[in-house]
Amino acid sequence: MNFDIPAMSCGHCVGVITETVKQLDPHASVSADLAAKTVSIQTAEERQVIAQALTEAGYPTH
């Protein structure tokens, strides 16, 4: 699943996003494109659960 995350602007942001996803699914794969402000996540979790967790971490998705 792919997310647009306009607030993602640096490596620290990517780290927080990755950690947030890994807390929900330790086996998830997270790939970020800072220039495009997008994140690709491979996980067994539902999209809504991931989106809510990212929003709560300060990175609302669009």
PDB file of N, CA and C in Angstrom:
ATOM      1  N   MET A   1       0.849  -1.176   0.000  1.00  0.00           N
ATOM      2  CA  MET A   1       0.000   0.000   0.000  1.00  0.00           C
ATOM      3  C   MET A   1       0.890   1.233   0.000  1.00  0.00           C
ATOM      4  N   ASN A   2       0.422   2.281  -0.674  1.00  0.00           N
ATOM      5  CA  ASN A   2       1.182   3.520  -0.779  1.00  0.00           C
ATOM      6  C   ASN A   2       0.429   4.663  -0.103  1.00  0.00           C
ATOM      7  N   PHE A   3       1.214   5.551   0.511  1.00  0.00           N
ATOM      8  CA  PHE A   3       0.646   6.713   1.176  1.00  0.00           C
ATOM      9  C   PHE A   3       1.394   7.961   0.742  1.00  0.00           C
ATOM     10  N   ASP A   4       0.664   9.049   0.550  1.00  0.00           N
ATOM     11  CA  ASP A   4       1.263  10.374   0.372  1.00  0.00           C
ATOM     12  C   ASP A   4       1.322  10.981   1.771  1.00  0.00           C
ATOM     13  N   ILE A   5       2.520  11.437   2.161  1.00  0.00           N
ATOM     14  CA  ILE A   5       2.702  12.008   3.497  1.00  0.00           C
ATOM     15  C   ILE A   5       3.387  13.364   3.342  1.00  0.00           C
ATOM     16  N   PRO A   6       2.608  14.427   3.155  1.00  0.00           N
ATOM     17  CA  PRO A   6       3.166  15.760   2.907  1.00  0.00           C
ATOM     18  C   PRO A   6       4.092  16.273   4.020  1.00  0.00           C
ATOM     19  N   ALA A   7       3.887  15.834   5.257  1.00  0.00           N
ATOM     20  CA  ALA A   7       4.699  16.323   6.379  1.00  0.00           C
ATOM     21  C   ALA A   7       6.071  15.657   6.454  1.00  0.00           C
ATOM     22  N   MET A   8       6.316  14.624   5.664  1.00  0.00           N
ATOM     23  CA  MET A   8       7.599  13.917   5.692  1.00  0.00           C
ATOM     24  C   MET A   8       8.648  14.746   4.951  1.00  0.00           C
ATOM     25  N   SER A   9       9.704  15.154   5.669  1.00  0.00           N
ATOM     26  CA  SER A   9      10.671  16.036   5.033  1.00  0.00           C
ATOM     27  C   SER A   9      12.132  15.659   5.257  1.00  0.00           C
ATOM     28  N   CYS A  10      12.411  14.645   6.108  1.00  0.00           N
ATOM     29  CA  CYS A  10      13.804  14.323   6.393  1.00  0.00           C
ATOM     30  C   CYS A  10      13.946  12.875   6.858  1.00  0.00           C
ATOM     31  N   GLY A  11      15.175  12.481   7.097  1.00  0.00           N
ATOM     32  CA  GLY A  11      15.444  11.129   7.552  1.00  0.00           C
ATOM     33  C   GLY A  11      14.801  10.818   8.892  1.00  0.00           C
ATOM     34  N   HIS A  12      14.733  11.820   9.762  1.00  0.00           N
ATOM     35  CA  HIS A  12      14.078  11.605  11.059  1.00  0.00           C
ATOM     36  C   HIS A  12      12.612  11.243  10.858  1.00  0.00           C
ATOM     37  N   CYS A  13      11.950  11.936   9.952  1.00  0.00           N
ATOM     38  CA  CYS A  13      10.540  11.646   9.645  1.00  0.00           C
ATOM     39  C   CYS A  13      10.391  10.197   9.182  1.00  0.00           C
ATOM     40  N   VAL A  14      11.270   9.768   8.301  1.00  0.00           N
ATOM     41  CA  VAL A  14      11.225   8.400   7.791  1.00  0.00           C
ATOM     42  C   VAL A  14      11.396   7.412   8.944  1.00  0.00           C
ATOM     43  N   GLY A  15      12.302   7.729   9.878  1.00  0.00           N
ATOM     44  CA  GLY A  15      12.530   6.863  11.025  1.00  0.00           C
ATOM     45  C   GLY A  15      11.300   6.724  11.900  1.00  0.00           C
ATOM     46  N   VAL A  16      10.627   7.845  12.158  1.00  0.00           N
ATOM     47  CA  VAL A  16       9.416   7.821  12.980  1.00  0.00           C
ATOM     48  C   VAL A  16       8.318   7.021  12.276  1.00  0.00           C
ATOM     49  N   ILE A  17       8.167   7.251  10.993  1.00  0.00           N
ATOM     50  CA  ILE A  17       7.149   6.535  10.217  1.00  0.00           C
ATOM     51  C   ILE A  17       7.438   5.034  10.223  1.00  0.00           C
ATOM     52  N   THR A  18       8.687   4.681   9.990  1.00  0.00           N
ATOM     53  CA  THR A  18       9.075   3.264   9.978  1.00  0.00           C
ATOM     54  C   THR A  18       8.813   2.629  11.337  1.00  0.00           C
ATOM     55  N   GLU A  19       9.215   3.293  12.413  1.00  0.00           N
ATOM     56  CA  GLU A  19       9.013   2.758  13.759  1.00  0.00           C
ATOM     57  C   GLU A  19       7.527   2.609  14.077  1.00  0.00           C
ATOM     58  N   THR A  20       6.724   3.566  13.650  1.00  0.00           N
ATOM     59  CA  THR A  20       5.284   3.501  13.880  1.00  0.00           C
ATOM     60  C   THR A  20       4.686   2.268  13.214  1.00  0.00           C
ATOM     61  N   VAL A  21       5.072   2.025  11.979  1.00  0.00           N
ATOM     62  CA  VAL A  21       4.565   0.857  11.250  1.00  0.00           C
ATOM     63  C   VAL A  21       5.067  -0.432  11.896  1.00  0.00           C
ATOM     64  N   LYS A  22       6.344  -0.462  12.268  1.00  0.00           N
ATOM     65  CA  LYS A  22       6.933  -1.674  12.855  1.00  0.00           C
ATOM     66  C   LYS A  22       6.312  -2.019  14.213  1.00  0.00           C
ATOM     67  N   GLN A  23       5.811  -1.017  14.930  1.00  0.00           N
ATOM     68  CA  GLN A  23       5.131  -1.295  16.195  1.00  0.00           C
ATOM     69  C   GLN A  23       3.835  -2.061  15.952  1.00  0.00           C
ATOM     70  N   LEU A  24       3.198  -1.800  14.830  1.00  0.00           N
ATOM     71  CA  LEU A  24       1.969  -2.510  14.480  1.00  0.00           C
ATOM     72  C   LEU A  24       2.263  -3.871  13.868  1.00  0.00           C
ATOM     73  N   ASP A  25       3.300  -3.925  13.051  1.00  0.00           N
ATOM     74  CA  ASP A  25       3.662  -5.162  12.359  1.00  0.00           C
ATOM     75  C   ASP A  25       5.186  -5.233  12.251  1.00  0.00           C
ATOM     76  N   PRO A  26       5.829  -5.975  13.161  1.00  0.00           N
ATOM     77  CA  PRO A  26       7.295  -6.058  13.148  1.00  0.00           C
ATOM     78  C   PRO A  26       7.875  -6.606  11.848  1.00  0.00           C
ATOM     79  N   HIS A  27       7.076  -7.304  11.059  1.00  0.00           N
ATOM     80  CA  HIS A  27       7.550  -7.886   9.810  1.00  0.00           C
ATOM     81  C   HIS A  27       7.272  -7.003   8.592  1.00  0.00           C
ATOM     82  N   ALA A  28       6.721  -5.819   8.821  1.00  0.00           N
ATOM     83  CA  ALA A  28       6.378  -4.919   7.715  1.00  0.00           C
ATOM     84  C   ALA A  28       7.636  -4.430   7.001  1.00  0.00           C
ATOM     85  N   SER A  29       7.460  -4.114   5.727  1.00  0.00           N
ATOM     86  CA  SER A  29       8.521  -3.521   4.925  1.00  0.00           C
ATOM     87  C   SER A  29       8.107  -2.088   4.601  1.00  0.00           C
ATOM     88  N   VAL A  30       8.997  -1.129   4.892  1.00  0.00           N
ATOM     89  CA  VAL A  30       8.687   0.289   4.671  1.00  0.00           C
ATOM     90  C   VAL A  30       9.740   0.885   3.754  1.00  0.00           C
ATOM     91  N   SER A  31       9.292   1.509   2.677  1.00  0.00           N
ATOM     92  CA  SER A  31      10.189   2.163   1.730  1.00  0.00           C
ATOM     93  C   SER A  31       9.687   3.587   1.514  1.00  0.00           C
ATOM     94  N   ALA A  32      10.568   4.567   1.758  1.00  0.00           N
ATOM     95  CA  ALA A  32      10.158   5.967   1.642  1.00  0.00           C
ATOM     96  C   ALA A  32      10.866   6.661   0.486  1.00  0.00           C
ATOM     97  N   ASP A  33      10.152   7.577  -0.154  1.00  0.00           N
ATOM     98  CA  ASP A  33      10.714   8.443  -1.192  1.00  0.00           C
ATOM     99  C   ASP A  33      10.526   9.876  -0.705  1.00  0.00           C
ATOM    100  N   LEU A  34      11.591  10.430  -0.112  1.00  0.00           N
ATOM    101  CA  LEU A  34      11.492  11.777   0.462  1.00  0.00           C
ATOM    102  C   LEU A  34      11.126  12.827  -0.578  1.00  0.00           C
ATOM    103  N   ALA A  35      11.729  12.747  -1.757  1.00  0.00           N
ATOM    104  CA  ALA A  35      11.468  13.749  -2.789  1.00  0.00           C
ATOM    105  C   ALA A  35       9.996  13.780  -3.182  1.00  0.00           C
ATOM    106  N   ALA A  36       9.390  12.609  -3.275  1.00  0.00           N
ATOM    107  CA  ALA A  36       7.982  12.519  -3.671  1.00  0.00           C
ATOM    108  C   ALA A  36       7.043  12.588  -2.468  1.00  0.00           C
ATOM    109  N   LYS A  37       7.640  12.500  -1.256  1.00  0.00           N
ATOM    110  CA  LYS A  37       6.861  12.489  -0.008  1.00  0.00           C
ATOM    111  C   LYS A  37       5.846  11.350   0.007  1.00  0.00           C
ATOM    112  N   THR A  38       6.328  10.176  -0.418  1.00  0.00           N
ATOM    113  CA  THR A  38       5.485   8.993  -0.434  1.00  0.00           C
ATOM    114  C   THR A  38       6.155   7.863   0.337  1.00  0.00           C
ATOM    115  N   VAL A  39       5.324   6.955   0.841  1.00  0.00           N
ATOM    116  CA  VAL A  39       5.813   5.778   1.553  1.00  0.00           C
ATOM    117  C   VAL A  39       5.081   4.565   0.998  1.00  0.00           C
ATOM    118  N   SER A  40       5.842   3.506   0.739  1.00  0.00           N
ATOM    119  CA  SER A  40       5.272   2.238   0.306  1.00  0.00           C
ATOM    120  C   SER A  40       5.448   1.256   1.464  1.00  0.00           C
ATOM    121  N   ILE A  41       4.352   0.635   1.880  1.00  0.00           N
ATOM    122  CA  ILE A  41       4.385  -0.266   3.030  1.00  0.00           C
ATOM    123  C   ILE A  41       3.797  -1.618   2.635  1.00  0.00           C
ATOM    124  N   GLN A  42       4.534  -2.669   2.957  1.00  0.00           N
ATOM    125  CA  GLN A  42       4.033  -4.025   2.769  1.00  0.00           C
ATOM    126  C   GLN A  42       3.784  -4.581   4.161  1.00  0.00           C
ATOM    127  N   THR A  43       2.505  -4.841   4.462  1.00  0.00           N
ATOM    128  CA  THR A  43       2.120  -5.282   5.792  1.00  0.00           C
ATOM    129  C   THR A  43       0.831  -6.085   5.732  1.00  0.00           C
ATOM    130  N   ALA A  44       0.621  -6.860   6.774  1.00  0.00           N
ATOM    131  CA  ALA A  44      -0.630  -7.619   6.893  1.00  0.00           C
ATOM    132  C   ALA A  44      -1.726  -6.764   7.537  1.00  0.00           C
ATOM    133  N   GLU A  45      -1.338  -5.617   8.096  1.00  0.00           N
ATOM    134  CA  GLU A  45      -2.311  -4.727   8.736  1.00  0.00           C
ATOM    135  C   GLU A  45      -3.223  -4.074   7.691  1.00  0.00           C
ATOM    136  N   GLU A  46      -4.386  -3.667   8.142  1.00  0.00           N
ATOM    137  CA  GLU A  46      -5.321  -2.977   7.258  1.00  0.00           C
ATOM    138  C   GLU A  46      -4.858  -1.546   7.012  1.00  0.00           C
ATOM    139  N   ARG A  47      -5.170  -1.036   5.834  1.00  0.00           N
ATOM    140  CA  ARG A  47      -4.772   0.324   5.457  1.00  0.00           C
ATOM    141  C   ARG A  47      -5.237   1.360   6.481  1.00  0.00           C
ATOM    142  N   GLN A  48      -6.475   1.221   6.938  1.00  0.00           N
ATOM    143  CA  GLN A  48      -7.039   2.190   7.879  1.00  0.00           C
ATOM    144  C   GLN A  48      -6.252   2.222   9.190  1.00  0.00           C
ATOM    145  N   VAL A  49      -5.809   1.060   9.650  1.00  0.00           N
ATOM    146  CA  VAL A  49      -5.041   0.967  10.897  1.00  0.00           C
ATOM    147  C   VAL A  49      -3.699   1.682  10.736  1.00  0.00           C
ATOM    148  N   ILE A  50      -3.033   1.454   9.619  1.00  0.00           N
ATOM    149  CA  ILE A  50      -1.751   2.108   9.353  1.00  0.00           C
ATOM    150  C   ILE A  50      -1.942   3.622   9.239  1.00  0.00           C
ATOM    151  N   ALA A  51      -2.937   4.048   8.490  1.00  0.00           N
ATOM    152  CA  ALA A  51      -3.195   5.485   8.294  1.00  0.00           C
ATOM    153  C   ALA A  51      -3.470   6.172   9.629  1.00  0.00           C
ATOM    154  N   GLN A  52      -4.253   5.537  10.495  1.00  0.00           N
ATOM    155  CA  GLN A  52      -4.570   6.124  11.796  1.00  0.00           C
ATOM    156  C   GLN A  52      -3.312   6.235  12.658  1.00  0.00           C
ATOM    157  N   ALA A  53      -2.483   5.211  12.658  1.00  0.00           N
ATOM    158  CA  ALA A  53      -1.254   5.233  13.455  1.00  0.00           C
ATOM    159  C   ALA A  53      -0.308   6.319  12.956  1.00  0.00           C
ATOM    160  N   LEU A  54      -0.189   6.484  11.647  1.00  0.00           N
ATOM    161  CA  LEU A  54       0.666   7.523  11.091  1.00  0.00           C
ATOM    162  C   LEU A  54       0.145   8.912  11.445  1.00  0.00           C
ATOM    163  N   THR A  55      -1.165   9.089  11.397  1.00  0.00           N
ATOM    164  CA  THR A  55      -1.766  10.371  11.770  1.00  0.00           C
ATOM    165  C   THR A  55      -1.473  10.680  13.232  1.00  0.00           C
ATOM    166  N   GLU A  56      -1.621   9.686  14.100  1.00  0.00           N
ATOM    167  CA  GLU A  56      -1.363   9.876  15.530  1.00  0.00           C
ATOM    168  C   GLU A  56       0.102  10.183  15.795  1.00  0.00           C
ATOM    169  N   ALA A  57       0.987   9.701  14.934  1.00  0.00           N
ATOM    170  CA  ALA A  57       2.426   9.957  15.082  1.00  0.00           C
ATOM    171  C   ALA A  57       2.815  11.330  14.534  1.00  0.00           C
ATOM    172  N   GLY A  58       1.863  12.039  13.929  1.00  0.00           N
ATOM    173  CA  GLY A  58       2.130  13.381  13.404  1.00  0.00           C
ATOM    174  C   GLY A  58       2.353  13.430  11.906  1.00  0.00           C
ATOM    175  N   TYR A  59       2.037  12.323  11.225  1.00  0.00           N
ATOM    176  CA  TYR A  59       2.230  12.254   9.784  1.00  0.00           C
ATOM    177  C   TYR A  59       0.946  11.830   9.086  1.00  0.00           C
ATOM    178  N   PRO A  60      -0.025  12.743   9.032  1.00  0.00           N
ATOM    179  CA  PRO A  60      -1.306  12.394   8.388  1.00  0.00           C
ATOM    180  C   PRO A  60      -1.098  12.052   6.916  1.00  0.00           C
ATOM    181  N   THR A  61      -1.860  11.083   6.460  1.00  0.00           N
ATOM    182  CA  THR A  61      -1.745  10.631   5.068  1.00  0.00           C
ATOM    183  C   THR A  61      -2.807  11.290   4.217  1.00  0.00           C
ATOM    184  N   HIS A  62      -2.532  11.326   2.904  1.00  0.00           N
ATOM    185  CA  HIS A  62      -3.481  11.904   1.941  1.00  0.00           C
ATOM    186  C   HIS A  62      -3.641  10.950   0.783  1.00  0.00           C
TER     187      HIS A  62
END
